[in-house]
Amino acid sequence: MQSPEQCYLSQSVGQQLLHHFAARDAVRHATPLLPLRLRDIGRFLVALGGRTPNRGHC
């Protein structure tokens, strides 16, 4: 039986790239495009308006 590294190295470069991009796309599709916390959504909308969000500092 071959180790995972040997299997990976025996594949063509095209197959390695297909595997890499499929794994990357799976992560990209699983993560939300907008933050889930209401506070972060508010900061995002304020930043869209061109203002810097007030972070409660001096």
C-alpha atoms as a PDB file:
ATOM      1  CA  MET A   1       0.000   0.000   0.000  1.00  0.00           C
ATOM      2  CA  GLN A   2       1.244   3.483  -0.810  1.00  0.00           C
ATOM      3  CA  SER A   3       1.352   6.343   1.646  1.00  0.00           C
ATOM      4  CA  PRO A   4      -0.780   9.439   0.877  1.00  0.00           C
ATOM      5  CA  GLU A   5       2.344  11.342  -0.202  1.00  0.00           C
ATOM      6  CA  GLN A   6       3.302   8.627  -2.690  1.00  0.00           C
ATOM      7  CA  CYS A   7      -0.206   8.583  -4.137  1.00  0.00           C
ATOM      8  CA  TYR A   8      -0.163  12.352  -4.432  1.00  0.00           C
ATOM      9  CA  LEU A   9       3.221  12.428  -6.137  1.00  0.00           C
ATOM     10  CA  SER A  10       2.246   9.688  -8.572  1.00  0.00           C
ATOM     11  CA  GLN A  11      -0.667  11.809  -9.872  1.00  0.00           C
ATOM     12  CA  SER A  12      -0.242  14.160 -12.782  1.00  0.00           C
ATOM     13  CA  VAL A  13       0.016  17.872 -12.068  1.00  0.00           C
ATOM     14  CA  GLY A  14      -3.447  18.395 -13.553  1.00  0.00           C
ATOM     15  CA  GLN A  15      -4.980  15.879 -11.162  1.00  0.00           C
ATOM     16  CA  GLN A  16      -3.173  17.488  -8.222  1.00  0.00           C
ATOM     17  CA  LEU A  17      -4.540  20.898  -9.208  1.00  0.00           C
ATOM     18  CA  LEU A  18      -8.078  19.579  -9.634  1.00  0.00           C
ATOM     19  CA  HIS A  19      -7.940  18.067  -6.156  1.00  0.00           C
ATOM     20  CA  HIS A  20      -6.527  21.293  -4.669  1.00  0.00           C
ATOM     21  CA  PHE A  21      -9.141  23.553  -6.281  1.00  0.00           C
ATOM     22  CA  ALA A  22     -12.001  21.194  -5.374  1.00  0.00           C
ATOM     23  CA  ALA A  23     -10.934  21.276  -1.719  1.00  0.00           C
ATOM     24  CA  ARG A  24     -10.538  25.073  -1.804  1.00  0.00           C
ATOM     25  CA  ASP A  25     -13.943  25.577  -3.417  1.00  0.00           C
ATOM     26  CA  ALA A  26     -15.606  23.317  -0.840  1.00  0.00           C
ATOM     27  CA  VAL A  27     -14.316  25.607   1.920  1.00  0.00           C
ATOM     28  CA  ARG A  28     -15.282  28.765   0.034  1.00  0.00           C
ATOM     29  CA  HIS A  29     -18.845  27.547  -0.513  1.00  0.00           C
ATOM     30  CA  ALA A  30     -19.206  26.494   3.126  1.00  0.00           C
ATOM     31  CA  THR A  31     -18.260  29.898   4.571  1.00  0.00           C
ATOM     32  CA  PRO A  32     -20.809  32.736   4.664  1.00  0.00           C
ATOM     33  CA  LEU A  33     -20.218  35.852   2.610  1.00  0.00           C
ATOM     34  CA  LEU A  34     -21.495  38.136   5.365  1.00  0.00           C
ATOM     35  CA  PRO A  35     -20.609  37.986   9.048  1.00  0.00           C
ATOM     36  CA  LEU A  36     -23.115  36.207  11.253  1.00  0.00           C
ATOM     37  CA  ARG A  37     -23.018  38.533  14.273  1.00  0.00           C
ATOM     38  CA  LEU A  38     -25.343  41.543  14.189  1.00  0.00           C
ATOM     39  CA  ARG A  39     -22.577  43.796  15.504  1.00  0.00           C
ATOM     40  CA  ASP A  40     -20.281  42.800  12.617  1.00  0.00           C
ATOM     41  CA  ILE A  41     -23.055  43.352  10.084  1.00  0.00           C
ATOM     42  CA  GLY A  42     -23.566  46.870  11.486  1.00  0.00           C
ATOM     43  CA  ARG A  43     -19.850  47.635  11.171  1.00  0.00           C
ATOM     44  CA  PHE A  44     -19.894  46.291   7.623  1.00  0.00           C
ATOM     45  CA  LEU A  45     -22.807  48.543   6.638  1.00  0.00           C
ATOM     46  CA  VAL A  46     -21.188  51.588   8.250  1.00  0.00           C
ATOM     47  CA  ALA A  47     -17.952  50.879   6.357  1.00  0.00           C
ATOM     48  CA  LEU A  48     -19.928  50.619   3.111  1.00  0.00           C
ATOM     49  CA  GLY A  49     -21.177  54.134   3.751  1.00  0.00           C
ATOM     50  CA  GLY A  50     -17.596  55.404   3.800  1.00  0.00           C
ATOM     51  CA  ARG A  51     -17.319  56.093   7.522  1.00  0.00           C
ATOM     52  CA  THR A  52     -14.951  54.321   9.836  1.00  0.00           C
ATOM     53  CA  PRO A  53     -16.805  52.385  12.501  1.00  0.00           C
ATOM     54  CA  ASN A  54     -16.748  53.743  16.048  1.00  0.00           C
ATOM     55  CA  ARG A  55     -14.957  51.165  18.138  1.00  0.00           C
ATOM     56  CA  GLY A  56     -15.498  52.870  21.471  1.00  0.00           C
ATOM     57  CA  HIS A  57     -11.931  54.154  21.752  1.00  0.00           C
ATOM     58  CA  CYS A  58     -10.752  57.737  22.363  1.00  0.00           C
END
